[in-house]
Full PDB file with SEQRES, HELIX, SHEET, SSBOND, CRYST1, ORIGX, SCALE, CONECT and MASTER records, all heavy atoms in Angstrom:
SEQRES   1 A   41  ALA GLU GLN PRO GLY LEU GLY LYS ARG PHE LEU GLU ALA          
SEQRES   2 A   41  VAL ARG ASP ALA THR CYS LYS ILE ARG LEU SER PRO SER          
SEQRES   3 A   41  MET PHE GLN CYS VAL GLU GLY LYS ALA ARG ARG CYS CYS          
SEQRES   4 A   41  VAL GLU                                                      
HELIX    1 AA1 LEU A    6  LEU A   23  1                                  18    
HELIX    2 AA2 PRO A   25  MET A   27  5                                   3    
SHEET    1 AA1 2 GLN A  29  GLU A  32  0                                        
SHEET    2 AA1 2 ALA A  35  ARG A  37 -1                                        
CRYST1    1.000    1.000    1.000  90.00  90.00  90.00 P 1           1          
ORIGX1      1.000000  0.000000  0.000000        0.00000                         
ORIGX2      0.000000  1.000000  0.000000        0.00000                         
ORIGX3      0.000000  0.000000  1.000000        0.00000                         
SCALE1      1.000000  0.000000  0.000000        0.00000                         
SCALE2      0.000000  1.000000  0.000000        0.00000                         
SCALE3      0.000000  0.000000  1.000000        0.00000                         
ATOM      1  N   ALA A   1     -11.378  -3.343  21.601  1.00  0.00           N  
ATOM      2  CA  ALA A   1     -11.959  -3.778  22.870  1.00  0.00           C  
ATOM      3  C   ALA A   1     -13.430  -3.378  22.958  1.00  0.00           C  
ATOM      4  O   ALA A   1     -14.242  -4.080  23.565  1.00  0.00           O  
ATOM      5  CB  ALA A   1     -11.169  -3.184  24.041  1.00  0.00           C  
ATOM      6  N   GLU A   2     -13.754  -2.240  22.358  1.00  0.00           N  
ATOM      7  CA  GLU A   2     -15.127  -1.742  22.343  1.00  0.00           C  
ATOM      8  C   GLU A   2     -16.033  -2.638  21.504  1.00  0.00           C  
ATOM      9  O   GLU A   2     -17.157  -2.956  21.892  1.00  0.00           O  
ATOM     10  CB  GLU A   2     -15.113  -0.329  21.745  1.00  0.00           C  
ATOM     11  CG  GLU A   2     -16.177   0.587  22.220  1.00  0.00           C  
ATOM     12  CD  GLU A   2     -15.976   1.974  21.631  1.00  0.00           C  
ATOM     13  OE1 GLU A   2     -15.009   2.661  22.029  1.00  0.00           O  
ATOM     14  OE2 GLU A   2     -16.788   2.343  20.772  1.00  0.00           O  
ATOM     15  N   GLN A   3     -15.520  -3.036  20.341  1.00  0.00           N  
ATOM     16  CA  GLN A   3     -16.307  -3.865  19.411  1.00  0.00           C  
ATOM     17  C   GLN A   3     -15.346  -4.609  18.486  1.00  0.00           C  
ATOM     18  O   GLN A   3     -14.530  -3.978  17.804  1.00  0.00           O  
ATOM     19  CB  GLN A   3     -17.240  -2.976  18.583  1.00  0.00           C  
ATOM     20  CG  GLN A   3     -18.063  -3.721  17.580  1.00  0.00           C  
ATOM     21  CD  GLN A   3     -18.882  -2.775  16.712  1.00  0.00           C  
ATOM     22  OE1 GLN A   3     -18.970  -1.581  16.979  1.00  0.00           O  
ATOM     23  NE2 GLN A   3     -19.472  -3.312  15.683  1.00  0.00           N  
ATOM     24  N   PRO A   4     -15.426  -5.931  18.448  1.00  0.00           N  
ATOM     25  CA  PRO A   4     -14.536  -6.685  17.554  1.00  0.00           C  
ATOM     26  C   PRO A   4     -14.647  -6.199  16.100  1.00  0.00           C  
ATOM     27  O   PRO A   4     -15.743  -5.984  15.588  1.00  0.00           O  
ATOM     28  CB  PRO A   4     -15.023  -8.128  17.694  1.00  0.00           C  
ATOM     29  CG  PRO A   4     -15.649  -8.168  19.063  1.00  0.00           C  
ATOM     30  CD  PRO A   4     -16.282  -6.810  19.239  1.00  0.00           C  
ATOM     31  N   GLY A   5     -13.491  -5.965  15.486  1.00  0.00           N  
ATOM     32  CA  GLY A   5     -13.446  -5.491  14.105  1.00  0.00           C  
ATOM     33  C   GLY A   5     -13.350  -3.986  13.971  1.00  0.00           C  
ATOM     34  O   GLY A   5     -12.940  -3.477  12.931  1.00  0.00           O  
ATOM     35  N   LEU A   6     -13.719  -3.254  15.027  1.00  0.00           N  
ATOM     36  CA  LEU A   6     -13.700  -1.794  14.956  1.00  0.00           C  
ATOM     37  C   LEU A   6     -12.268  -1.255  14.913  1.00  0.00           C  
ATOM     38  O   LEU A   6     -11.981  -0.281  14.211  1.00  0.00           O  
ATOM     39  CB  LEU A   6     -14.475  -1.187  16.125  1.00  0.00           C  
ATOM     40  CG  LEU A   6     -14.774   0.302  16.067  1.00  0.00           C  
ATOM     41  CD1 LEU A   6     -15.544   0.658  14.789  1.00  0.00           C  
ATOM     42  CD2 LEU A   6     -15.565   0.740  17.292  1.00  0.00           C  
ATOM     43  N   GLY A   7     -11.373  -1.904  15.623  1.00  0.00           N  
ATOM     44  CA  GLY A   7      -9.968  -1.495  15.586  1.00  0.00           C  
ATOM     45  C   GLY A   7      -9.380  -1.645  14.192  1.00  0.00           C  
ATOM     46  O   GLY A   7      -8.663  -0.772  13.711  1.00  0.00           O  
ATOM     47  N   LYS A   8      -9.741  -2.720  13.528  1.00  0.00           N  
ATOM     48  CA  LYS A   8      -9.277  -2.948  12.154  1.00  0.00           C  
ATOM     49  C   LYS A   8      -9.833  -1.879  11.218  1.00  0.00           C  
ATOM     50  O   LYS A   8      -9.108  -1.349  10.364  1.00  0.00           O  
ATOM     51  CB  LYS A   8      -9.699  -4.329  11.677  1.00  0.00           C  
ATOM     52  CG  LYS A   8      -9.229  -4.646  10.280  1.00  0.00           C  
ATOM     53  CD  LYS A   8      -9.681  -6.016   9.839  1.00  0.00           C  
ATOM     54  CE  LYS A   8      -9.232  -6.251   8.408  1.00  0.00           C  
ATOM     55  NZ  LYS A   8      -9.765  -7.486   7.864  1.00  0.00           N  
ATOM     56  N   ARG A   9     -11.108  -1.529  11.397  1.00  0.00           N  
ATOM     57  CA  ARG A   9     -11.711  -0.481  10.552  1.00  0.00           C  
ATOM     58  C   ARG A   9     -11.045   0.876  10.812  1.00  0.00           C  
ATOM     59  O   ARG A   9     -10.860   1.662   9.881  1.00  0.00           O  
ATOM     60  CB  ARG A   9     -13.221  -0.413  10.775  1.00  0.00           C  
ATOM     61  CG  ARG A   9     -13.935  -1.637  10.196  1.00  0.00           C  
ATOM     62  CD  ARG A   9     -15.427  -1.453  10.057  1.00  0.00           C  
ATOM     63  NE  ARG A   9     -16.127  -1.175  11.296  1.00  0.00           N  
ATOM     64  CZ  ARG A   9     -16.601  -2.110  12.128  1.00  0.00           C  
ATOM     65  NH1 ARG A   9     -16.445  -3.382  11.868  1.00  0.00           N  
ATOM     66  NH2 ARG A   9     -17.243  -1.757  13.222  1.00  0.00           N  
ATOM     67  N   PHE A  10     -10.674   1.123  12.051  1.00  0.00           N  
ATOM     68  CA  PHE A  10      -9.955   2.358  12.369  1.00  0.00           C  
ATOM     69  C   PHE A  10      -8.610   2.399  11.644  1.00  0.00           C  
ATOM     70  O   PHE A  10      -8.258   3.397  11.019  1.00  0.00           O  
ATOM     71  CB  PHE A  10      -9.751   2.477  13.888  1.00  0.00           C  
ATOM     72  CG  PHE A  10      -8.867   3.620  14.293  1.00  0.00           C  
ATOM     73  CD1 PHE A  10      -9.296   4.932  14.179  1.00  0.00           C  
ATOM     74  CD2 PHE A  10      -7.597   3.385  14.796  1.00  0.00           C  
ATOM     75  CE1 PHE A  10      -8.472   5.996  14.540  1.00  0.00           C  
ATOM     76  CE2 PHE A  10      -6.769   4.425  15.172  1.00  0.00           C  
ATOM     77  CZ  PHE A  10      -7.212   5.731  15.044  1.00  0.00           C  
ATOM     78  N   LEU A  11      -7.856   1.298  11.709  1.00  0.00           N  
ATOM     79  CA  LEU A  11      -6.563   1.247  11.031  1.00  0.00           C  
ATOM     80  C   LEU A  11      -6.711   1.405   9.515  1.00  0.00           C  
ATOM     81  O   LEU A  11      -5.890   2.059   8.871  1.00  0.00           O  
ATOM     82  CB  LEU A  11      -5.838  -0.060  11.363  1.00  0.00           C  
ATOM     83  CG  LEU A  11      -5.357  -0.192  12.810  1.00  0.00           C  
ATOM     84  CD1 LEU A  11      -4.791  -1.589  13.057  1.00  0.00           C  
ATOM     85  CD2 LEU A  11      -4.333   0.876  13.148  1.00  0.00           C  
ATOM     86  N   GLU A  12      -7.770   0.847   8.949  1.00  0.00           N  
ATOM     87  CA  GLU A  12      -8.026   1.006   7.512  1.00  0.00           C  
ATOM     88  C   GLU A  12      -8.323   2.463   7.173  1.00  0.00           C  
ATOM     89  O   GLU A  12      -7.864   2.984   6.153  1.00  0.00           O  
ATOM     90  CB  GLU A  12      -9.171   0.105   7.070  1.00  0.00           C  
ATOM     91  CG  GLU A  12      -8.811  -1.366   7.067  1.00  0.00           C  
ATOM     92  CD  GLU A  12     -10.009  -2.289   6.895  1.00  0.00           C  
ATOM     93  OE1 GLU A  12     -11.179  -1.818   6.929  1.00  0.00           O  
ATOM     94  OE2 GLU A  12      -9.774  -3.509   6.738  1.00  0.00           O  
ATOM     95  N   ALA A  13      -9.086   3.137   8.036  1.00  0.00           N  
ATOM     96  CA  ALA A  13      -9.406   4.549   7.813  1.00  0.00           C  
ATOM     97  C   ALA A  13      -8.144   5.408   7.903  1.00  0.00           C  
ATOM     98  O   ALA A  13      -7.961   6.351   7.125  1.00  0.00           O  
ATOM     99  CB  ALA A  13     -10.462   5.026   8.814  1.00  0.00           C  
ATOM    100  N   VAL A  14      -7.259   5.075   8.836  1.00  0.00           N  
ATOM    101  CA  VAL A  14      -5.986   5.796   8.954  1.00  0.00           C  
ATOM    102  C   VAL A  14      -5.136   5.546   7.709  1.00  0.00           C  
ATOM    103  O   VAL A  14      -4.525   6.470   7.167  1.00  0.00           O  
ATOM    104  CB  VAL A  14      -5.236   5.394  10.250  1.00  0.00           C  
ATOM    105  CG1 VAL A  14      -3.805   5.928  10.243  1.00  0.00           C  
ATOM    106  CG2 VAL A  14      -5.985   5.899  11.475  1.00  0.00           C  
ATOM    107  N   ARG A  15      -5.100   4.311   7.241  1.00  0.00           N  
ATOM    108  CA  ARG A  15      -4.356   4.001   6.016  1.00  0.00           C  
ATOM    109  C   ARG A  15      -4.891   4.810   4.831  1.00  0.00           C  
ATOM    110  O   ARG A  15      -4.127   5.361   4.045  1.00  0.00           O  
ATOM    111  CB  ARG A  15      -4.425   2.503   5.695  1.00  0.00           C  
ATOM    112  CG  ARG A  15      -3.552   2.120   4.488  1.00  0.00           C  
ATOM    113  CD  ARG A  15      -3.833   0.752   3.959  1.00  0.00           C  
ATOM    114  NE  ARG A  15      -5.196   0.742   3.454  1.00  0.00           N  
ATOM    115  CZ  ARG A  15      -6.074  -0.238   3.665  1.00  0.00           C  
ATOM    116  NH1 ARG A  15      -5.743  -1.287   4.350  1.00  0.00           N  
ATOM    117  NH2 ARG A  15      -7.285  -0.164   3.171  1.00  0.00           N  
ATOM    118  N   ASP A  16      -6.216   4.901   4.712  1.00  0.00           N  
ATOM    119  CA  ASP A  16      -6.812   5.707   3.642  1.00  0.00           C  
ATOM    120  C   ASP A  16      -6.376   7.171   3.754  1.00  0.00           C  
ATOM    121  O   ASP A  16      -6.067   7.817   2.750  1.00  0.00           O  
ATOM    122  CB  ASP A  16      -8.343   5.614   3.674  1.00  0.00           C  
ATOM    123  CG  ASP A  16      -8.857   4.236   3.290  1.00  0.00           C  
ATOM    124  OD1 ASP A  16      -8.083   3.413   2.742  1.00  0.00           O  
ATOM    125  OD2 ASP A  16     -10.050   3.973   3.561  1.00  0.00           O  
ATOM    126  N   ALA A  17      -6.345   7.691   4.981  1.00  0.00           N  
ATOM    127  CA  ALA A  17      -5.932   9.077   5.197  1.00  0.00           C  
ATOM    128  C   ALA A  17      -4.462   9.273   4.813  1.00  0.00           C  
ATOM    129  O   ALA A  17      -4.111  10.278   4.184  1.00  0.00           O  
ATOM    130  CB  ALA A  17      -6.157   9.478   6.656  1.00  0.00           C  
ATOM    131  N   THR A  18      -3.613   8.309   5.149  1.00  0.00           N  
ATOM    132  CA  THR A  18      -2.199   8.450   4.789  1.00  0.00           C  
ATOM    133  C   THR A  18      -2.008   8.396   3.273  1.00  0.00           C  
ATOM    134  O   THR A  18      -1.120   9.073   2.743  1.00  0.00           O  
ATOM    135  CB  THR A  18      -1.303   7.386   5.475  1.00  0.00           C  
ATOM    136  OG1 THR A  18      -1.704   6.083   5.067  1.00  0.00           O  
ATOM    137  CG2 THR A  18      -1.337   7.524   6.981  1.00  0.00           C  
ATOM    138  N   CYS A  19      -2.842   7.636   2.578  1.00  0.00           N  
ATOM    139  CA  CYS A  19      -2.769   7.606   1.106  1.00  0.00           C  
ATOM    140  C   CYS A  19      -3.114   8.976   0.531  1.00  0.00           C  
ATOM    141  O   CYS A  19      -2.453   9.449  -0.406  1.00  0.00           O  
ATOM    142  CB  CYS A  19      -3.704   6.537   0.546  1.00  0.00           C  
ATOM    143  SG  CYS A  19      -3.119   4.852   0.811  1.00  0.00           S  
ATOM    144  N   LYS A  20      -4.135   9.621   1.084  1.00  0.00           N  
ATOM    145  CA  LYS A  20      -4.516  10.968   0.631  1.00  0.00           C  
ATOM    146  C   LYS A  20      -3.388  11.967   0.898  1.00  0.00           C  
ATOM    147  O   LYS A  20      -3.100  12.834   0.075  1.00  0.00           O  
ATOM    148  CB  LYS A  20      -5.789  11.425   1.333  1.00  0.00           C  
ATOM    149  CG  LYS A  20      -7.018  10.677   0.891  1.00  0.00           C  
ATOM    150  CD  LYS A  20      -8.222  11.122   1.688  1.00  0.00           C  
ATOM    151  CE  LYS A  20      -9.417  10.269   1.353  1.00  0.00           C  
ATOM    152  NZ  LYS A  20     -10.581  10.585   2.197  1.00  0.00           N  
ATOM    153  N   ILE A  21      -2.774  11.838   2.057  1.00  0.00           N  
ATOM    154  CA  ILE A  21      -1.662  12.731   2.411  1.00  0.00           C  
ATOM    155  C   ILE A  21      -0.516  12.562   1.416  1.00  0.00           C  
ATOM    156  O   ILE A  21       0.047  13.535   0.928  1.00  0.00           O  
ATOM    157  CB  ILE A  21      -1.188  12.463   3.852  1.00  0.00           C  
ATOM    158  CG1 ILE A  21      -2.256  12.898   4.864  1.00  0.00           C  
ATOM    159  CG2 ILE A  21       0.141  13.162   4.129  1.00  0.00           C  
ATOM    160  CD1 ILE A  21      -2.001  12.419   6.284  1.00  0.00           C  
ATOM    161  N   ARG A  22      -0.178  11.326   1.116  1.00  0.00           N  
ATOM    162  CA  ARG A  22       0.922  11.059   0.179  1.00  0.00           C  
ATOM    163  C   ARG A  22       0.647  11.621  -1.211  1.00  0.00           C  
ATOM    164  O   ARG A  22       1.548  12.112  -1.875  1.00  0.00           O  
ATOM    165  CB  ARG A  22       1.158   9.554   0.064  1.00  0.00           C  
ATOM    166  CG  ARG A  22       1.968   8.988   1.166  1.00  0.00           C  
ATOM    167  CD  ARG A  22       2.111   7.501   0.947  1.00  0.00           C  
ATOM    168  NE  ARG A  22       3.286   6.997   1.633  1.00  0.00           N  
ATOM    169  CZ  ARG A  22       3.500   5.726   1.839  1.00  0.00           C  
ATOM    170  NH1 ARG A  22       2.661   4.826   1.390  1.00  0.00           N  
ATOM    171  NH2 ARG A  22       4.585   5.349   2.466  1.00  0.00           N  
ATOM    172  N   LEU A  23      -0.605  11.532  -1.643  1.00  0.00           N  
ATOM    173  CA  LEU A  23      -0.951  12.008  -2.985  1.00  0.00           C  
ATOM    174  C   LEU A  23      -0.869  13.522  -3.111  1.00  0.00           C  
ATOM    175  O   LEU A  23      -0.444  14.045  -4.130  1.00  0.00           O  
ATOM    176  CB  LEU A  23      -2.352  11.527  -3.371  1.00  0.00           C  
ATOM    177  CG  LEU A  23      -2.472  10.050  -3.702  1.00  0.00           C  
ATOM    178  CD1 LEU A  23      -3.939   9.677  -3.886  1.00  0.00           C  
ATOM    179  CD2 LEU A  23      -1.670   9.713  -4.941  1.00  0.00           C  
ATOM    180  N   SER A  24      -1.305  14.231  -2.068  1.00  0.00           N  
ATOM    181  CA  SER A  24      -1.334  15.688  -2.162  1.00  0.00           C  
ATOM    182  C   SER A  24      -1.245  16.326  -0.778  1.00  0.00           C  
ATOM    183  O   SER A  24      -2.244  16.840  -0.248  1.00  0.00           O  
ATOM    184  CB  SER A  24      -2.612  16.128  -2.876  1.00  0.00           C  
ATOM    185  OG  SER A  24      -2.581  17.499  -3.111  1.00  0.00           O  
ATOM    186  N   PRO A  25      -0.081  16.312  -0.161  1.00  0.00           N  
ATOM    187  CA  PRO A  25       0.037  16.836   1.205  1.00  0.00           C  
ATOM    188  C   PRO A  25      -0.322  18.312   1.341  1.00  0.00           C  
ATOM    189  O   PRO A  25      -0.843  18.732   2.372  1.00  0.00           O  
ATOM    190  CB  PRO A  25       1.500  16.580   1.562  1.00  0.00           C  
ATOM    191  CG  PRO A  25       2.193  16.272   0.301  1.00  0.00           C  
ATOM    192  CD  PRO A  25       1.184  15.802  -0.681  1.00  0.00           C  
ATOM    193  N   SER A  26      -0.080  19.089   0.308  1.00  0.00           N  
ATOM    194  CA  SER A  26      -0.327  20.534   0.417  1.00  0.00           C  
ATOM    195  C   SER A  26      -1.804  20.908   0.403  1.00  0.00           C  
ATOM    196  O   SER A  26      -2.148  22.052   0.671  1.00  0.00           O  
ATOM    197  CB  SER A  26       0.407  21.276  -0.691  1.00  0.00           C  
ATOM    198  OG  SER A  26      -0.076  20.857  -1.953  1.00  0.00           O  
ATOM    199  N   MET A  27      -2.686  19.961   0.124  1.00  0.00           N  
ATOM    200  CA  MET A  27      -4.114  20.288   0.098  1.00  0.00           C  
ATOM    201  C   MET A  27      -4.731  20.373   1.502  1.00  0.00           C  
ATOM    202  O   MET A  27      -5.840  20.837   1.664  1.00  0.00           O  
ATOM    203  CB  MET A  27      -4.908  19.288  -0.749  1.00  0.00           C  
ATOM    204  CG  MET A  27      -5.149  17.948  -0.113  1.00  0.00           C  
ATOM    205  SD  MET A  27      -6.104  16.880  -1.195  1.00  0.00           S  
ATOM    206  CE  MET A  27      -7.522  16.540  -0.188  1.00  0.00           C  
ATOM    207  N   PHE A  28      -3.972  19.977   2.526  1.00  0.00           N  
ATOM    208  CA  PHE A  28      -4.507  19.965   3.884  1.00  0.00           C  
ATOM    209  C   PHE A  28      -4.151  21.248   4.630  1.00  0.00           C  
ATOM    210  O   PHE A  28      -3.113  21.858   4.383  1.00  0.00           O  
ATOM    211  CB  PHE A  28      -4.002  18.727   4.635  1.00  0.00           C  
ATOM    212  CG  PHE A  28      -4.499  17.456   4.015  1.00  0.00           C  
ATOM    213  CD1 PHE A  28      -3.702  16.749   3.134  1.00  0.00           C  
ATOM    214  CD2 PHE A  28      -5.781  17.003   4.261  1.00  0.00           C  
ATOM    215  CE1 PHE A  28      -4.159  15.592   2.521  1.00  0.00           C  
ATOM    216  CE2 PHE A  28      -6.257  15.855   3.656  1.00  0.00           C  
ATOM    217  CZ  PHE A  28      -5.450  15.151   2.782  1.00  0.00           C  
ATOM    218  N   GLN A  29      -5.018  21.616   5.539  1.00  0.00           N  
ATOM    219  CA  GLN A  29      -4.909  22.859   6.297  1.00  0.00           C  
ATOM    220  C   GLN A  29      -3.678  22.865   7.207  1.00  0.00           C  
ATOM    221  O   GLN A  29      -3.402  21.894   7.905  1.00  0.00           O  
ATOM    222  CB  GLN A  29      -6.167  23.031   7.148  1.00  0.00           C  
ATOM    223  CG  GLN A  29      -6.137  24.199   8.085  1.00  0.00           C  
ATOM    224  CD  GLN A  29      -7.347  24.217   9.011  1.00  0.00           C  
ATOM    225  OE1 GLN A  29      -8.151  23.320   9.026  1.00  0.00           O  
ATOM    226  NE2 GLN A  29      -7.440  25.262   9.795  1.00  0.00           N  
ATOM    227  N   CYS A  30      -2.953  23.981   7.194  1.00  0.00           N  
ATOM    228  CA  CYS A  30      -1.842  24.171   8.131  1.00  0.00           C  
ATOM    229  C   CYS A  30      -2.423  24.431   9.520  1.00  0.00           C  
ATOM    230  O   CYS A  30      -3.386  25.179   9.666  1.00  0.00           O  
ATOM    231  CB  CYS A  30      -0.975  25.357   7.719  1.00  0.00           C  
ATOM    232  SG  CYS A  30       0.056  25.027   6.300  1.00  0.00           S  
ATOM    233  N   VAL A  31      -1.826  23.799  10.523  1.00  0.00           N  
ATOM    234  CA  VAL A  31      -2.292  23.999  11.892  1.00  0.00           C  
ATOM    235  C   VAL A  31      -1.244  24.647  12.784  1.00  0.00           C  
ATOM    236  O   VAL A  31      -1.581  25.236  13.803  1.00  0.00           O  
ATOM    237  CB  VAL A  31      -2.788  22.678  12.522  1.00  0.00           C  
ATOM    238  CG1 VAL A  31      -4.061  22.212  11.863  1.00  0.00           C  
ATOM    239  CG2 VAL A  31      -1.728  21.594  12.465  1.00  0.00           C  
ATOM    240  N   GLU A  32       0.035  24.525  12.383  1.00  0.00           N  
ATOM    241  CA  GLU A  32       1.120  25.131  13.162  1.00  0.00           C  
ATOM    242  C   GLU A  32       2.382  25.095  12.308  1.00  0.00           C  
ATOM    243  O   GLU A  32       2.899  24.023  12.012  1.00  0.00           O  
ATOM    244  CB  GLU A  32       1.344  24.354  14.463  1.00  0.00           C  
ATOM    245  CG  GLU A  32       2.431  24.892  15.349  1.00  0.00           C  
ATOM    246  CD  GLU A  32       2.026  26.156  16.104  1.00  0.00           C  
ATOM    247  OE1 GLU A  32       0.836  26.394  16.304  1.00  0.00           O  
ATOM    248  OE2 GLU A  32       2.942  26.913  16.484  1.00  0.00           O  
ATOM    249  N   GLY A  33       2.874  26.240  11.917  1.00  0.00           N  
ATOM    250  CA  GLY A  33       4.063  26.279  11.070  1.00  0.00           C  
ATOM    251  C   GLY A  33       3.840  25.483   9.794  1.00  0.00           C  
ATOM    252  O   GLY A  33       2.884  25.715   9.073  1.00  0.00           O  
ATOM    253  N   LYS A  34       4.695  24.493   9.563  1.00  0.00           N  
ATOM    254  CA  LYS A  34       4.571  23.629   8.385  1.00  0.00           C  
ATOM    255  C   LYS A  34       3.722  22.390   8.642  1.00  0.00           C  
ATOM    256  O   LYS A  34       3.536  21.567   7.753  1.00  0.00           O  
ATOM    257  CB  LYS A  34       5.955  23.204   7.905  1.00  0.00           C  
ATOM    258  CG  LYS A  34       6.780  24.330   7.353  1.00  0.00           C  
ATOM    259  CD  LYS A  34       8.093  23.808   6.841  1.00  0.00           C  
ATOM    260  CE  LYS A  34       8.929  24.927   6.246  1.00  0.00           C  
ATOM    261  NZ  LYS A  34      10.197  24.423   5.709  1.00  0.00           N  
ATOM    262  N   ALA A  35       3.232  22.233   9.854  1.00  0.00           N  
ATOM    263  CA  ALA A  35       2.415  21.070  10.195  1.00  0.00           C  
ATOM    264  C   ALA A  35       0.993  21.240   9.653  1.00  0.00           C  
ATOM    265  O   ALA A  35       0.413  22.319   9.710  1.00  0.00           O  
ATOM    266  CB  ALA A  35       2.378  20.858  11.705  1.00  0.00           C  
ATOM    267  N   ARG A  36       0.456  20.152   9.129  1.00  0.00           N  
ATOM    268  CA  ARG A  36      -0.891  20.134   8.557  1.00  0.00           C  
ATOM    269  C   ARG A  36      -1.705  19.030   9.221  1.00  0.00           C  
ATOM    270  O   ARG A  36      -1.154  18.153   9.882  1.00  0.00           O  
ATOM    271  CB  ARG A  36      -0.813  19.878   7.049  1.00  0.00           C  
ATOM    272  CG  ARG A  36      -0.075  20.964   6.303  1.00  0.00           C  
ATOM    273  CD  ARG A  36       0.090  20.593   4.824  1.00  0.00           C  
ATOM    274  NE  ARG A  36       0.789  21.642   4.105  1.00  0.00           N  
ATOM    275  CZ  ARG A  36       0.205  22.702   3.562  1.00  0.00           C  
ATOM    276  NH1 ARG A  36      -1.100  22.845   3.636  1.00  0.00           N  
ATOM    277  NH2 ARG A  36       0.922  23.611   2.930  1.00  0.00           N  
ATOM    278  N   ARG A  37      -3.025  19.073   9.001  1.00  0.00           N  
ATOM    279  CA  ARG A  37      -3.892  18.057   9.591  1.00  0.00           C  
ATOM    280  C   ARG A  37      -4.830  17.479   8.553  1.00  0.00           C  
ATOM    281  O   ARG A  37      -5.448  18.200   7.785  1.00  0.00           O  
ATOM    282  CB  ARG A  37      -4.716  18.634  10.732  1.00  0.00           C  
ATOM    283  CG  ARG A  37      -5.520  17.551  11.458  1.00  0.00           C  
ATOM    284  CD  ARG A  37      -6.399  18.095  12.520  1.00  0.00           C  
ATOM    285  NE  ARG A  37      -7.495  18.813  11.864  1.00  0.00           N  
ATOM    286  CZ  ARG A  37      -8.215  19.754  12.425  1.00  0.00           C  
ATOM    287  NH1 ARG A  37      -7.958  20.157  13.633  1.00  0.00           N  
ATOM    288  NH2 ARG A  37      -9.190  20.339  11.770  1.00  0.00           N  
ATOM    289  N   CYS A  38      -4.944  16.169   8.576  1.00  0.00           N  
ATOM    290  CA  CYS A  38      -5.876  15.430   7.731  1.00  0.00           C  
ATOM    291  C   CYS A  38      -6.847  14.697   8.645  1.00  0.00           C  
ATOM    292  O   CYS A  38      -6.421  13.981   9.562  1.00  0.00           O  
ATOM    293  CB  CYS A  38      -5.104  14.428   6.869  1.00  0.00           C  
ATOM    294  SG  CYS A  38      -6.141  13.287   5.930  1.00  0.00           S  
ATOM    295  N   CYS A  39      -8.140  14.869   8.420  1.00  0.00           N  
ATOM    296  CA  CYS A  39      -9.144  14.166   9.220  1.00  0.00           C  
ATOM    297  C   CYS A  39      -9.252  12.714   8.768  1.00  0.00           C  
ATOM    298  O   CYS A  39      -9.144  12.409   7.579  1.00  0.00           O  
ATOM    299  CB  CYS A  39     -10.497  14.849   9.089  1.00  0.00           C  
ATOM    300  SG  CYS A  39     -10.513  16.498   9.811  1.00  0.00           S  
ATOM    301  N   VAL A  40      -9.480  11.839   9.725  1.00  0.00           N  
ATOM    302  CA  VAL A  40      -9.687  10.414   9.454  1.00  0.00           C  
ATOM    303  C   VAL A  40     -11.184  10.215   9.299  1.00  0.00           C  
ATOM    304  O   VAL A  40     -11.952  10.545  10.208  1.00  0.00           O  
ATOM    305  CB  VAL A  40      -9.130   9.545  10.609  1.00  0.00           C  
ATOM    306  CG1 VAL A  40      -9.429   8.077  10.375  1.00  0.00           C  
ATOM    307  CG2 VAL A  40      -7.633   9.780  10.776  1.00  0.00           C  
ATOM    308  N   GLU A  41     -11.600   9.694   8.166  1.00  0.00           N  
ATOM    309  CA  GLU A  41     -13.031   9.516   7.900  1.00  0.00           C  
ATOM    310  C   GLU A  41     -13.641   8.494   8.849  1.00  0.00           C  
ATOM    311  O   GLU A  41     -13.017   7.486   9.183  1.00  0.00           O  
ATOM    312  CB  GLU A  41     -13.246   9.077   6.456  1.00  0.00           C  
ATOM    313  CG  GLU A  41     -12.962  10.195   5.471  1.00  0.00           C  
ATOM    314  CD  GLU A  41     -13.320   9.826   4.046  1.00  0.00           C  
ATOM    315  OE1 GLU A  41     -14.190   8.953   3.848  1.00  0.00           O  
ATOM    316  OE2 GLU A  41     -12.713  10.411   3.145  1.00  0.00           O  
TER     317      GLU A  41                                                      
MASTER        0    0    0    2    2    0    0    6  316    1    0    4          
END                                                                             
């Protein structure tokens, strides 16, 4: 709604982040118990 195409770019960035998580989940910082966080570029 903010800018046409920006929502699609956001979803692509999230997809890229999920690929990184799948490849090596343990490389990300623990934030609570076993929960970890990956930043979306």
